[in-house]
Amino acid sequence: MRARGLRIGILDADFNGPSQARMAGVQGAVFVPGTDKVSLPRTINGIAVFSMGSLIPESEALEFESAAQGESHTWRATREFTLLSEILASFEWGTLDLLLFDLPPGAERTVQYADFLGPRTSFVLVTIPSEVARGVVARSAAALSKGSNRVLGYVENMSGYYCRDCKAIKPLFVSAEASAQAESSGLEIPCLGTVPFDPELARHCDRGIPLAELLETPVGCALEHVAQQLLDSLESTSQPPLTTRVSYDSARSLRDEVPVRPLR
């Protein structure tokens, strides 16, 4: 989407599982106070990124002290949303076309974030080609359907393995039953694309390397297709939404939820 000239921001709202700092190459980045707000670190291609991974080492966890003993779960949720509000208000995001939030996993948490972010938020669900993962995503879609937020569709991650020796995509899961699984799990939402596993993609994400050199590979083409489908879905809405990608597979590479908001 950035390659299409869109102005992008990323807010990693998974405070105790922040992956965007490493993936964007901004681990250890310096946050510079400005006249009114704090400037955000940016990727090589100019994407503003906030992630706790830039502030807290991966060996440490973000702690919220509880005001009442035995009620830490309630207190934590309140503090997390307060912190999210402060991040949105205190940092200089600039003029954006899209603001993406990387959310923590969990169907219940997704609904909480939908309430917090408002009705203009749209969601993209991420799954893998397994019946268990699809079932969890179906529950999340069902929960979101009870509110005013739009679910743009889902992306199927790890839909095969790209063999760089034979230049072919080989199955990782029992993919022959994929369509039947989607039907039985109740995923009555559009598929925005399928993304095969590529060790090079994992290497790029681990090292915070831009994906430009992967554009001509099957995974690069798959991500390009997903981006175009997402933009087409956003443009089909009368009012620009805030998009959240929600992922429920057990793999980390595309596991997290991410909201995206066109701001115009």
C-alpha atoms as a PDB file:
ATOM      1  CA  MET A   1       0.000   0.000   0.000  1.00  0.00           C
ATOM      2  CA  ARG A   2       2.911   2.325   0.670  1.00  0.00           C
ATOM      3  CA  ALA A   3       4.227   1.546  -2.823  1.00  0.00           C
ATOM      4  CA  ARG A   4       0.924   2.877  -4.165  1.00  0.00           C
ATOM      5  CA  GLY A   5       1.747   6.275  -2.687  1.00  0.00           C
ATOM      6  CA  LEU A   6      -0.521   6.021   0.348  1.00  0.00           C
ATOM      7  CA  ARG A   7       0.563   7.663   3.594  1.00  0.00           C
ATOM      8  CA  ILE A   8       0.662   4.885   6.185  1.00  0.00           C
ATOM      9  CA  GLY A   9       0.948   4.733   9.964  1.00  0.00           C
ATOM     10  CA  ILE A  10       1.200   1.616  12.158  1.00  0.00           C
ATOM     11  CA  LEU A  11       0.268   1.451  15.830  1.00  0.00           C
ATOM     12  CA  ASP A  12       1.297  -1.806  17.478  1.00  0.00           C
ATOM     13  CA  ALA A  13      -1.404  -2.140  20.140  1.00  0.00           C
ATOM     14  CA  ASP A  14      -0.249  -5.604  21.219  1.00  0.00           C
ATOM     15  CA  PHE A  15       1.683  -4.095  24.114  1.00  0.00           C
ATOM     16  CA  ASN A  16       3.063  -7.360  25.472  1.00  0.00           C
ATOM     17  CA  GLY A  17       3.543  -9.031  22.110  1.00  0.00           C
ATOM     18  CA  PRO A  18       4.907  -6.178  20.004  1.00  0.00           C
ATOM     19  CA  SER A  19       6.285  -7.457  16.719  1.00  0.00           C
ATOM     20  CA  GLN A  20       6.075  -4.355  14.543  1.00  0.00           C
ATOM     21  CA  ALA A  21       9.274  -2.745  15.882  1.00  0.00           C
ATOM     22  CA  ARG A  22      11.386  -5.687  14.741  1.00  0.00           C
ATOM     23  CA  MET A  23       9.494  -6.193  11.480  1.00  0.00           C
ATOM     24  CA  ALA A  24       9.712  -2.483  10.626  1.00  0.00           C
ATOM     25  CA  GLY A  25      13.354  -2.173  11.604  1.00  0.00           C
ATOM     26  CA  VAL A  26      12.754   0.397  14.371  1.00  0.00           C
ATOM     27  CA  GLN A  27      13.898  -1.560  17.431  1.00  0.00           C
ATOM     28  CA  GLY A  28      15.748   0.774  19.744  1.00  0.00           C
ATOM     29  CA  ALA A  29      14.591   3.800  17.762  1.00  0.00           C
ATOM     30  CA  VAL A  30      14.677   7.180  19.489  1.00  0.00           C
ATOM     31  CA  PHE A  31      11.421   9.049  20.099  1.00  0.00           C
ATOM     32  CA  VAL A  32      12.166  12.767  19.665  1.00  0.00           C
ATOM     33  CA  PRO A  33       9.943  15.287  21.525  1.00  0.00           C
ATOM     34  CA  GLY A  34       8.611  18.020  19.255  1.00  0.00           C
ATOM     35  CA  THR A  35       6.984  21.364  19.967  1.00  0.00           C
ATOM     36  CA  ASP A  36       3.553  19.850  20.608  1.00  0.00           C
ATOM     37  CA  LYS A  37       3.886  16.099  20.189  1.00  0.00           C
ATOM     38  CA  VAL A  38       6.496  13.351  20.014  1.00  0.00           C
ATOM     39  CA  SER A  39       7.906  12.422  16.621  1.00  0.00           C
ATOM     40  CA  LEU A  40       7.608   8.779  15.617  1.00  0.00           C
ATOM     41  CA  PRO A  41      10.363   6.621  14.130  1.00  0.00           C
ATOM     42  CA  ARG A  42       9.860   5.751  10.484  1.00  0.00           C
ATOM     43  CA  THR A  43      10.726   2.836   8.271  1.00  0.00           C
ATOM     44  CA  ILE A  44      13.073   3.185   5.303  1.00  0.00           C
ATOM     45  CA  ASN A  45      10.099   3.911   3.054  1.00  0.00           C
ATOM     46  CA  GLY A  46       8.564   6.470   5.423  1.00  0.00           C
ATOM     47  CA  ILE A  47       5.945   4.571   7.436  1.00  0.00           C
ATOM     48  CA  ALA A  48       5.446   6.016  10.936  1.00  0.00           C
ATOM     49  CA  VAL A  49       5.516   3.220  13.536  1.00  0.00           C
ATOM     50  CA  PHE A  50       4.728   3.097  17.234  1.00  0.00           C
ATOM     51  CA  SER A  51       5.586  -0.159  18.985  1.00  0.00           C
ATOM     52  CA  MET A  52       6.464  -1.038  22.559  1.00  0.00           C
ATOM     53  CA  GLY A  53       9.193  -3.138  20.962  1.00  0.00           C
ATOM     54  CA  SER A  54      11.070   0.117  20.396  1.00  0.00           C
ATOM     55  CA  LEU A  55      10.965   0.899  24.119  1.00  0.00           C
ATOM     56  CA  ILE A  56      11.025  -2.408  25.999  1.00  0.00           C
ATOM     57  CA  PRO A  57      13.507  -5.260  25.378  1.00  0.00           C
ATOM     58  CA  GLU A  58      11.993  -8.516  24.131  1.00  0.00           C
ATOM     59  CA  SER A  59      13.116 -10.213  27.365  1.00  0.00           C
ATOM     60  CA  GLU A  60      10.883  -7.915  29.455  1.00  0.00           C
ATOM     61  CA  ALA A  61       7.108  -7.505  29.777  1.00  0.00           C
ATOM     62  CA  LEU A  62       5.015  -4.368  30.127  1.00  0.00           C
ATOM     63  CA  GLU A  63       3.439  -4.298  33.583  1.00  0.00           C
ATOM     64  CA  PHE A  64       0.341  -2.456  34.749  1.00  0.00           C
ATOM     65  CA  GLU A  65       0.142  -2.150  38.522  1.00  0.00           C
ATOM     66  CA  SER A  66      -3.281  -3.069  39.860  1.00  0.00           C
ATOM     67  CA  ALA A  67      -5.144  -0.614  42.068  1.00  0.00           C
ATOM     68  CA  ALA A  68      -7.087  -3.449  43.699  1.00  0.00           C
ATOM     69  CA  GLN A  69      -5.653  -6.777  44.708  1.00  0.00           C
ATOM     70  CA  GLY A  70      -7.236  -9.650  42.803  1.00  0.00           C
ATOM     71  CA  GLU A  71      -8.695  -7.385  40.124  1.00  0.00           C
ATOM     72  CA  SER A  72      -5.642  -7.076  37.886  1.00  0.00           C
ATOM     73  CA  HIS A  73      -7.490  -8.356  34.802  1.00  0.00           C
ATOM     74  CA  THR A  74     -10.069  -5.553  35.026  1.00  0.00           C
ATOM     75  CA  TRP A  75      -7.499  -2.918  35.869  1.00  0.00           C
ATOM     76  CA  ARG A  76      -5.205  -4.041  33.077  1.00  0.00           C
ATOM     77  CA  ALA A  77      -7.862  -3.678  30.374  1.00  0.00           C
ATOM     78  CA  THR A  78      -8.666  -0.164  31.601  1.00  0.00           C
ATOM     79  CA  ARG A  79      -5.009   0.843  31.652  1.00  0.00           C
ATOM     80  CA  GLU A  80      -4.365  -0.614  28.190  1.00  0.00           C
ATOM     81  CA  PHE A  81      -7.120   1.440  26.581  1.00  0.00           C
ATOM     82  CA  THR A  82      -5.998   4.529  28.504  1.00  0.00           C
ATOM     83  CA  LEU A  83      -2.473   3.989  27.196  1.00  0.00           C
ATOM     84  CA  LEU A  84      -3.774   3.523  23.661  1.00  0.00           C
ATOM     85  CA  SER A  85      -5.642   6.824  23.902  1.00  0.00           C
ATOM     86  CA  GLU A  86      -2.488   8.575  25.120  1.00  0.00           C
ATOM     87  CA  ILE A  87      -0.431   7.136  22.266  1.00  0.00           C
ATOM     88  CA  LEU A  88      -2.942   8.323  19.689  1.00  0.00           C
ATOM     89  CA  ALA A  89      -3.013  11.808  21.215  1.00  0.00           C
ATOM     90  CA  SER A  90       0.632  12.309  22.163  1.00  0.00           C
ATOM     91  CA  PHE A  91       2.502  11.293  19.012  1.00  0.00           C
ATOM     92  CA  GLU A  92       2.828  13.136  15.727  1.00  0.00           C
ATOM     93  CA  TRP A  93       1.213  10.883  13.142  1.00  0.00           C
ATOM     94  CA  GLY A  94       1.109  13.490  10.387  1.00  0.00           C
ATOM     95  CA  THR A  95      -1.377  13.411   7.513  1.00  0.00           C
ATOM     96  CA  LEU A  96      -2.355   9.792   6.862  1.00  0.00           C
ATOM     97  CA  ASP A  97      -4.421   7.885   4.352  1.00  0.00           C
ATOM     98  CA  LEU A  98      -4.348   4.684   6.414  1.00  0.00           C
ATOM     99  CA  LEU A  99      -3.726   4.006  10.094  1.00  0.00           C
ATOM    100  CA  LEU A 100      -3.206   0.333  10.912  1.00  0.00           C
ATOM    101  CA  PHE A 101      -3.409  -1.100  14.411  1.00  0.00           C
ATOM    102  CA  ASP A 102      -1.749  -4.394  15.263  1.00  0.00           C
ATOM    103  CA  LEU A 103      -4.062  -5.784  17.936  1.00  0.00           C
ATOM    104  CA  PRO A 104      -3.580  -8.616  20.436  1.00  0.00           C
ATOM    105  CA  PRO A 105      -5.295 -11.892  19.517  1.00  0.00           C
ATOM    106  CA  GLY A 106      -8.607 -13.061  20.901  1.00  0.00           C
ATOM    107  CA  ALA A 107     -12.214 -12.730  19.770  1.00  0.00           C
ATOM    108  CA  GLU A 108     -13.334 -10.991  22.966  1.00  0.00           C
ATOM    109  CA  ARG A 109     -10.465  -8.500  22.799  1.00  0.00           C
ATOM    110  CA  THR A 110     -11.323  -7.782  19.186  1.00  0.00           C
ATOM    111  CA  VAL A 111     -14.848  -6.749  20.147  1.00  0.00           C
ATOM    112  CA  GLN A 112     -13.457  -4.539  22.919  1.00  0.00           C
ATOM    113  CA  TYR A 113     -11.185  -2.783  20.450  1.00  0.00           C
ATOM    114  CA  ALA A 114     -14.056  -2.412  17.992  1.00  0.00           C
ATOM    115  CA  ASP A 115     -16.049  -0.613  20.698  1.00  0.00           C
ATOM    116  CA  PHE A 116     -13.059   1.574  21.552  1.00  0.00           C
ATOM    117  CA  LEU A 117     -12.103   2.481  17.989  1.00  0.00           C
ATOM    118  CA  GLY A 118     -15.652   3.156  16.854  1.00  0.00           C
ATOM    119  CA  PRO A 119     -17.999   2.160  14.030  1.00  0.00           C
ATOM    120  CA  ARG A 120     -15.684   3.352  11.237  1.00  0.00           C
ATOM    121  CA  THR A 121     -13.299   0.555  12.109  1.00  0.00           C
ATOM    122  CA  SER A 122     -13.236  -2.324   9.617  1.00  0.00           C
ATOM    123  CA  PHE A 123     -11.649  -5.690  10.252  1.00  0.00           C
ATOM    124  CA  VAL A 124      -9.624  -8.150   8.235  1.00  0.00           C
ATOM    125  CA  LEU A 125      -9.349 -11.617   9.753  1.00  0.00           C
ATOM    126  CA  VAL A 126      -6.275 -13.776   9.271  1.00  0.00           C
ATOM    127  CA  THR A 127      -6.352 -17.553   9.423  1.00  0.00           C
ATOM    128  CA  ILE A 128      -4.398 -20.581   8.288  1.00  0.00           C
ATOM    129  CA  PRO A 129      -5.760 -23.550   6.307  1.00  0.00           C
ATOM    130  CA  SER A 130      -6.763 -25.591   9.354  1.00  0.00           C
ATOM    131  CA  GLU A 131     -10.217 -26.281  10.704  1.00  0.00           C
ATOM    132  CA  VAL A 132      -9.259 -25.193  14.229  1.00  0.00           C
ATOM    133  CA  ALA A 133      -7.987 -21.780  13.094  1.00  0.00           C
ATOM    134  CA  ARG A 134     -10.958 -21.209  10.805  1.00  0.00           C
ATOM    135  CA  GLY A 135     -13.349 -22.048  13.620  1.00  0.00           C
ATOM    136  CA  VAL A 136     -11.814 -19.394  15.883  1.00  0.00           C
ATOM    137  CA  VAL A 137     -11.939 -16.800  13.101  1.00  0.00           C
ATOM    138  CA  ALA A 138     -15.594 -17.689  12.453  1.00  0.00           C
ATOM    139  CA  ARG A 139     -16.383 -16.952  16.103  1.00  0.00           C
ATOM    140  CA  SER A 140     -14.670 -13.590  15.844  1.00  0.00           C
ATOM    141  CA  ALA A 141     -16.590 -12.746  12.672  1.00  0.00           C
ATOM    142  CA  ALA A 142     -19.830 -13.736  14.398  1.00  0.00           C
ATOM    143  CA  ALA A 143     -19.021 -11.521  17.390  1.00  0.00           C
ATOM    144  CA  LEU A 144     -18.192  -8.556  15.140  1.00  0.00           C
ATOM    145  CA  SER A 145     -21.380  -9.052  13.123  1.00  0.00           C
ATOM    146  CA  LYS A 146     -23.428  -8.075  16.174  1.00  0.00           C
ATOM    147  CA  GLY A 147     -21.959  -4.573  16.086  1.00  0.00           C
ATOM    148  CA  SER A 148     -21.691  -1.815  13.506  1.00  0.00           C
ATOM    149  CA  ASN A 149     -18.176  -2.638  12.316  1.00  0.00           C
ATOM    150  CA  ARG A 150     -17.585  -4.021   8.864  1.00  0.00           C
ATOM    151  CA  VAL A 151     -15.532  -7.182   8.276  1.00  0.00           C
ATOM    152  CA  LEU A 152     -13.826  -6.692   4.926  1.00  0.00           C
ATOM    153  CA  GLY A 153     -12.830 -10.347   4.618  1.00  0.00           C
ATOM    154  CA  TYR A 154     -10.079 -12.733   5.591  1.00  0.00           C
ATOM    155  CA  VAL A 155      -6.555 -13.595   4.496  1.00  0.00           C
ATOM    156  CA  GLU A 156      -5.319 -17.166   4.538  1.00  0.00           C
ATOM    157  CA  ASN A 157      -1.731 -17.249   5.764  1.00  0.00           C
ATOM    158  CA  MET A 158       0.675 -20.173   5.245  1.00  0.00           C
ATOM    159  CA  SER A 159      -1.431 -21.529   2.389  1.00  0.00           C
ATOM    160  CA  GLY A 160       1.392 -23.709   1.186  1.00  0.00           C
ATOM    161  CA  TYR A 161       5.183 -23.606   1.292  1.00  0.00           C
ATOM    162  CA  TYR A 162       7.229 -21.893  -1.418  1.00  0.00           C
ATOM    163  CA  CYS A 163      10.108 -24.189  -2.361  1.00  0.00           C
ATOM    164  CA  ARG A 164      12.887 -21.989  -3.719  1.00  0.00           C
ATOM    165  CA  ASP A 165      14.747 -24.985  -5.152  1.00  0.00           C
ATOM    166  CA  CYS A 166      11.898 -26.252  -7.335  1.00  0.00           C
ATOM    167  CA  LYS A 167      10.123 -22.863  -7.651  1.00  0.00           C
ATOM    168  CA  ALA A 168       6.812 -24.462  -6.672  1.00  0.00           C
ATOM    169  CA  ILE A 169       4.305 -24.010  -3.858  1.00  0.00           C
ATOM    170  CA  LYS A 170       3.836 -27.236  -1.919  1.00  0.00           C
ATOM    171  CA  PRO A 171       1.108 -27.964   0.659  1.00  0.00           C
ATOM    172  CA  LEU A 172       1.768 -27.369   4.345  1.00  0.00           C
ATOM    173  CA  PHE A 173      -1.680 -28.491   5.471  1.00  0.00           C
ATOM    174  CA  VAL A 174      -4.284 -30.861   4.073  1.00  0.00           C
ATOM    175  CA  SER A 175      -5.375 -28.172   1.612  1.00  0.00           C
ATOM    176  CA  ALA A 176      -7.720 -30.369  -0.414  1.00  0.00           C
ATOM    177  CA  GLU A 177     -10.404 -29.783   2.197  1.00  0.00           C
ATOM    178  CA  ALA A 178      -9.822 -26.025   2.448  1.00  0.00           C
ATOM    179  CA  SER A 179     -13.061 -24.981   0.766  1.00  0.00           C
ATOM    180  CA  ALA A 180     -15.100 -27.440   2.773  1.00  0.00           C
ATOM    181  CA  GLN A 181     -13.442 -26.234   5.980  1.00  0.00           C
ATOM    182  CA  ALA A 182     -14.242 -22.623   5.162  1.00  0.00           C
ATOM    183  CA  GLU A 183     -17.859 -23.521   4.576  1.00  0.00           C
ATOM    184  CA  SER A 184     -18.225 -25.652   7.683  1.00  0.00           C
ATOM    185  CA  SER A 185     -16.532 -23.046   9.879  1.00  0.00           C
ATOM    186  CA  GLY A 186     -18.984 -20.380   8.820  1.00  0.00           C
ATOM    187  CA  LEU A 187     -16.556 -17.995   7.114  1.00  0.00           C
ATOM    188  CA  GLU A 188     -19.212 -16.302   5.042  1.00  0.00           C
ATOM    189  CA  ILE A 189     -16.951 -13.355   4.284  1.00  0.00           C
ATOM    190  CA  PRO A 190     -14.784 -12.627   1.212  1.00  0.00           C
ATOM    191  CA  CYS A 191     -11.316 -14.122   0.907  1.00  0.00           C
ATOM    192  CA  LEU A 192      -8.891 -11.265   0.207  1.00  0.00           C
ATOM    193  CA  GLY A 193      -6.084 -13.611  -0.760  1.00  0.00           C
ATOM    194  CA  THR A 194      -3.840 -16.494   0.223  1.00  0.00           C
ATOM    195  CA  VAL A 195      -0.189 -16.093   1.231  1.00  0.00           C
ATOM    196  CA  PRO A 196       2.265 -19.024   1.060  1.00  0.00           C
ATOM    197  CA  PHE A 197       5.013 -19.471   3.625  1.00  0.00           C
ATOM    198  CA  ASP A 198       8.415 -18.337   2.372  1.00  0.00           C
ATOM    199  CA  PRO A 199      11.537 -18.596   4.587  1.00  0.00           C
ATOM    200  CA  GLU A 200      12.824 -15.418   2.944  1.00  0.00           C
ATOM    201  CA  LEU A 201       9.742 -13.522   4.081  1.00  0.00           C
ATOM    202  CA  ALA A 202      10.383 -14.727   7.638  1.00  0.00           C
ATOM    203  CA  ARG A 203      14.021 -13.619   7.369  1.00  0.00           C
ATOM    204  CA  HIS A 204      13.034 -10.180   6.115  1.00  0.00           C
ATOM    205  CA  CYS A 205      10.519  -9.759   8.949  1.00  0.00           C
ATOM    206  CA  ASP A 206      13.014 -10.903  11.603  1.00  0.00           C
ATOM    207  CA  ARG A 207      15.630  -8.431  10.376  1.00  0.00           C
ATOM    208  CA  GLY A 208      13.320  -5.536   9.561  1.00  0.00           C
ATOM    209  CA  ILE A 209      14.254  -5.612   5.875  1.00  0.00           C
ATOM    210  CA  PRO A 210      11.811  -4.038   3.363  1.00  0.00           C
ATOM    211  CA  LEU A 211      10.026  -6.552   1.167  1.00  0.00           C
ATOM    212  CA  ALA A 212      10.930  -4.839  -2.122  1.00  0.00           C
ATOM    213  CA  GLU A 213      13.218  -7.641  -3.276  1.00  0.00           C
ATOM    214  CA  LEU A 214      10.417 -10.191  -2.800  1.00  0.00           C
ATOM    215  CA  LEU A 215       7.981  -8.458  -5.153  1.00  0.00           C
ATOM    216  CA  GLU A 216       8.540 -10.905  -8.032  1.00  0.00           C
ATOM    217  CA  THR A 217       8.199 -14.004  -5.864  1.00  0.00           C
ATOM    218  CA  PRO A 218       4.926 -15.891  -5.229  1.00  0.00           C
ATOM    219  CA  VAL A 219       4.695 -14.458  -1.708  1.00  0.00           C
ATOM    220  CA  GLY A 220       5.340 -10.943  -3.025  1.00  0.00           C
ATOM    221  CA  CYS A 221       2.636 -11.337  -5.656  1.00  0.00           C
ATOM    222  CA  ALA A 222       0.272 -12.727  -3.010  1.00  0.00           C
ATOM    223  CA  LEU A 223       0.837  -9.762  -0.697  1.00  0.00           C
ATOM    224  CA  GLU A 224       0.373  -7.386  -3.630  1.00  0.00           C
ATOM    225  CA  HIS A 225      -2.956  -9.035  -4.417  1.00  0.00           C
ATOM    226  CA  VAL A 226      -4.094  -8.810  -0.783  1.00  0.00           C
ATOM    227  CA  ALA A 227      -3.172  -5.113  -0.654  1.00  0.00           C
ATOM    228  CA  GLN A 228      -5.160  -4.386  -3.804  1.00  0.00           C
ATOM    229  CA  GLN A 229      -8.177  -6.364  -2.586  1.00  0.00           C
ATOM    230  CA  LEU A 230      -8.053  -4.513   0.729  1.00  0.00           C
ATOM    231  CA  LEU A 231      -7.933  -1.111  -0.963  1.00  0.00           C
ATOM    232  CA  ASP A 232     -10.760  -2.074  -3.308  1.00  0.00           C
ATOM    233  CA  SER A 233     -12.850  -3.094  -0.292  1.00  0.00           C
ATOM    234  CA  LEU A 234     -12.092   0.155   1.505  1.00  0.00           C
ATOM    235  CA  GLU A 235     -12.945   2.242  -1.537  1.00  0.00           C
ATOM    236  CA  SER A 236     -16.265   0.450  -1.903  1.00  0.00           C
ATOM    237  CA  THR A 237     -17.414   1.866   1.427  1.00  0.00           C
ATOM    238  CA  SER A 238     -19.127   5.223   1.416  1.00  0.00           C
ATOM    239  CA  GLN A 239     -17.188   6.316   4.499  1.00  0.00           C
ATOM    240  CA  PRO A 240     -13.487   5.441   4.948  1.00  0.00           C
ATOM    241  CA  PRO A 241     -13.223   2.787   7.676  1.00  0.00           C
ATOM    242  CA  LEU A 242     -10.657   1.919  10.262  1.00  0.00           C
ATOM    243  CA  THR A 243      -9.464  -1.563   9.367  1.00  0.00           C
ATOM    244  CA  THR A 244      -8.335  -4.204  11.793  1.00  0.00           C
ATOM    245  CA  ARG A 245      -6.605  -7.378  10.780  1.00  0.00           C
ATOM    246  CA  VAL A 246      -7.377 -10.134  13.238  1.00  0.00           C
ATOM    247  CA  SER A 247      -5.413 -13.314  13.158  1.00  0.00           C
ATOM    248  CA  TYR A 248      -5.970 -16.523  15.056  1.00  0.00           C
ATOM    249  CA  ASP A 249      -3.485 -19.005  13.699  1.00  0.00           C
ATOM    250  CA  SER A 250      -0.766 -20.361  15.938  1.00  0.00           C
ATOM    251  CA  ALA A 251       2.056 -19.053  13.772  1.00  0.00           C
ATOM    252  CA  ARG A 252       3.521 -15.691  14.692  1.00  0.00           C
ATOM    253  CA  SER A 253       4.324 -14.179  11.272  1.00  0.00           C
ATOM    254  CA  LEU A 254       0.783 -13.000  10.519  1.00  0.00           C
ATOM    255  CA  ARG A 255      -0.838 -13.858  13.829  1.00  0.00           C
ATOM    256  CA  ASP A 256      -1.662 -10.438  15.197  1.00  0.00           C
ATOM    257  CA  GLU A 257      -4.730  -8.341  14.756  1.00  0.00           C
ATOM    258  CA  VAL A 258      -4.232  -5.092  12.916  1.00  0.00           C
ATOM    259  CA  PRO A 259      -6.724  -2.249  12.432  1.00  0.00           C
ATOM    260  CA  VAL A 260      -6.272   0.028   9.445  1.00  0.00           C
ATOM    261  CA  ARG A 261      -7.970   3.354   9.031  1.00  0.00           C
ATOM    262  CA  PRO A 262      -8.096   5.559   5.953  1.00  0.00           C
ATOM    263  CA  LEU A 263      -7.938   9.082   7.284  1.00  0.00           C
ATOM    264  CA  ARG A 264      -9.118  11.633   4.726  1.00  0.00           C
END
